[in-house]
C-alpha cells in the first residue's frame, strides 16, 4: 500500500492559503472566526 499524503507546498498554498480563503465567502468566514478566536496563524 502506498502512502496517501504526498506533500507539495504549492498545492498546500492554493488549497489552504490565505488568498484561497479570501476568495470565497465561506473562506472569509473561516478567517473571521479564526481572527475572533485569536489564532496566531489564520491560515497556511
N, C-alpha and C. Protein backbone atom coordinates (compact mmCIF):
# COMPACT_ATOMS: atom_id res chain seq x y z
N UNK A 1 0.84 -1.19 0.00
CA UNK A 1 0.00 0.00 0.00
C UNK A 1 0.89 1.25 0.00
N UNK A 2 0.50 2.24 -0.80
CA UNK A 2 1.31 3.46 -0.87
C UNK A 2 0.86 4.48 0.17
N UNK A 3 1.76 5.42 0.46
CA UNK A 3 1.40 6.49 1.39
C UNK A 3 0.38 7.41 0.71
N UNK A 4 -0.57 7.90 1.48
CA UNK A 4 -1.63 8.71 0.87
C UNK A 4 -1.30 10.19 0.89
N UNK A 5 -0.36 10.59 1.73
CA UNK A 5 -0.03 12.02 1.82
C UNK A 5 1.29 12.31 1.14
N UNK A 6 1.22 12.97 -0.02
CA UNK A 6 2.42 13.36 -0.77
C UNK A 6 2.50 14.88 -0.74
N UNK A 7 3.18 15.44 0.27
CA UNK A 7 3.15 16.88 0.47
C UNK A 7 3.76 17.69 -0.67
N UNK A 8 3.04 18.74 -1.07
CA UNK A 8 3.54 19.69 -2.05
C UNK A 8 3.13 21.08 -1.58
N UNK A 9 4.12 21.96 -1.47
CA UNK A 9 3.86 23.29 -0.93
C UNK A 9 2.92 24.12 -1.79
N UNK A 10 3.01 23.97 -3.12
CA UNK A 10 2.14 24.75 -3.99
C UNK A 10 0.67 24.35 -3.78
N UNK A 11 0.42 23.07 -3.76
CA UNK A 11 -0.94 22.55 -3.54
C UNK A 11 -1.47 23.03 -2.19
N UNK A 12 -0.59 23.01 -1.17
CA UNK A 12 -0.94 23.43 0.17
C UNK A 12 -1.38 24.88 0.19
N UNK A 13 -0.62 25.74 -0.52
CA UNK A 13 -0.94 27.16 -0.57
C UNK A 13 -2.24 27.43 -1.33
N UNK A 14 -2.37 26.78 -2.49
CA UNK A 14 -3.53 27.07 -3.34
C UNK A 14 -4.83 26.56 -2.72
N UNK A 15 -4.73 25.50 -1.91
CA UNK A 15 -5.93 24.94 -1.30
C UNK A 15 -6.26 25.58 0.04
N UNK A 16 -5.25 25.79 0.88
CA UNK A 16 -5.50 26.23 2.25
C UNK A 16 -4.89 27.59 2.57
N UNK A 17 -4.29 28.26 1.58
CA UNK A 17 -3.60 29.52 1.82
C UNK A 17 -4.53 30.68 2.12
N UNK A 18 -3.93 31.79 2.53
CA UNK A 18 -4.69 32.97 2.90
C UNK A 18 -5.51 33.51 1.72
N UNK A 19 -4.87 33.60 0.56
CA UNK A 19 -5.55 34.15 -0.61
C UNK A 19 -6.68 33.25 -1.08
N UNK A 20 -6.48 31.95 -0.94
CA UNK A 20 -7.53 30.99 -1.30
C UNK A 20 -8.74 31.17 -0.39
N UNK A 21 -8.47 31.46 0.89
CA UNK A 21 -9.56 31.68 1.84
C UNK A 21 -10.29 32.99 1.55
N UNK A 22 -9.53 34.02 1.15
CA UNK A 22 -10.13 35.33 0.89
C UNK A 22 -11.07 35.30 -0.31
N UNK A 23 -10.81 34.40 -1.24
CA UNK A 23 -11.58 34.36 -2.49
C UNK A 23 -13.06 34.07 -2.30
N UNK A 24 -13.38 33.13 -1.42
CA UNK A 24 -14.77 32.73 -1.26
C UNK A 24 -15.39 33.34 0.00
N UNK A 25 -16.69 33.42 0.00
CA UNK A 25 -17.39 33.99 1.15
C UNK A 25 -17.25 33.09 2.37
N UNK A 26 -17.31 31.78 2.14
CA UNK A 26 -17.12 30.83 3.25
C UNK A 26 -15.71 30.92 3.81
N UNK A 27 -14.76 31.10 2.92
CA UNK A 27 -13.36 31.23 3.34
C UNK A 27 -13.16 32.47 4.19
N UNK A 28 -13.83 33.56 3.80
CA UNK A 28 -13.75 34.80 4.57
C UNK A 28 -14.32 34.58 5.97
N UNK A 29 -15.40 33.80 6.05
CA UNK A 29 -15.99 33.46 7.35
C UNK A 29 -15.01 32.67 8.21
N UNK A 30 -14.28 31.76 7.58
CA UNK A 30 -13.27 30.97 8.29
C UNK A 30 -12.22 31.90 8.90
N UNK A 31 -11.72 32.84 8.08
CA UNK A 31 -10.71 33.77 8.55
C UNK A 31 -11.23 34.63 9.70
N UNK A 32 -12.45 35.09 9.56
CA UNK A 32 -13.06 35.92 10.61
C UNK A 32 -13.19 35.16 11.92
N UNK A 33 -13.67 33.91 11.81
CA UNK A 33 -13.81 33.07 13.00
C UNK A 33 -12.48 32.90 13.70
N UNK A 34 -11.45 32.61 12.92
CA UNK A 34 -10.13 32.37 13.50
C UNK A 34 -9.55 33.65 14.10
N UNK A 35 -9.85 34.79 13.46
CA UNK A 35 -9.40 36.08 13.96
C UNK A 35 -10.05 36.38 15.30
N UNK A 36 -11.35 36.14 15.37
CA UNK A 36 -12.10 36.39 16.61
C UNK A 36 -11.63 35.48 17.74
N UNK A 37 -11.29 34.24 17.37
CA UNK A 37 -10.83 33.29 18.38
C UNK A 37 -9.44 33.68 18.90
N UNK A 38 -8.71 34.42 18.07
CA UNK A 38 -7.38 34.88 18.49
C UNK A 38 -6.25 33.97 18.05
N UNK A 39 -6.44 33.31 16.92
CA UNK A 39 -5.40 32.41 16.40
C UNK A 39 -4.19 33.23 15.99
N UNK A 40 -3.00 32.68 16.26
CA UNK A 40 -1.77 33.34 15.84
C UNK A 40 -1.63 33.24 14.32
N UNK A 41 -1.93 32.05 13.77
CA UNK A 41 -1.91 31.85 12.32
C UNK A 41 -3.35 31.71 11.83
N UNK A 42 -3.75 32.57 10.90
CA UNK A 42 -5.10 32.49 10.36
C UNK A 42 -5.21 31.40 9.30
N UNK A 43 -4.14 31.22 8.53
CA UNK A 43 -4.11 30.19 7.52
C UNK A 43 -2.66 29.80 7.27
N UNK A 44 -2.45 28.93 6.29
CA UNK A 44 -1.10 28.44 5.97
C UNK A 44 -0.21 29.57 5.50
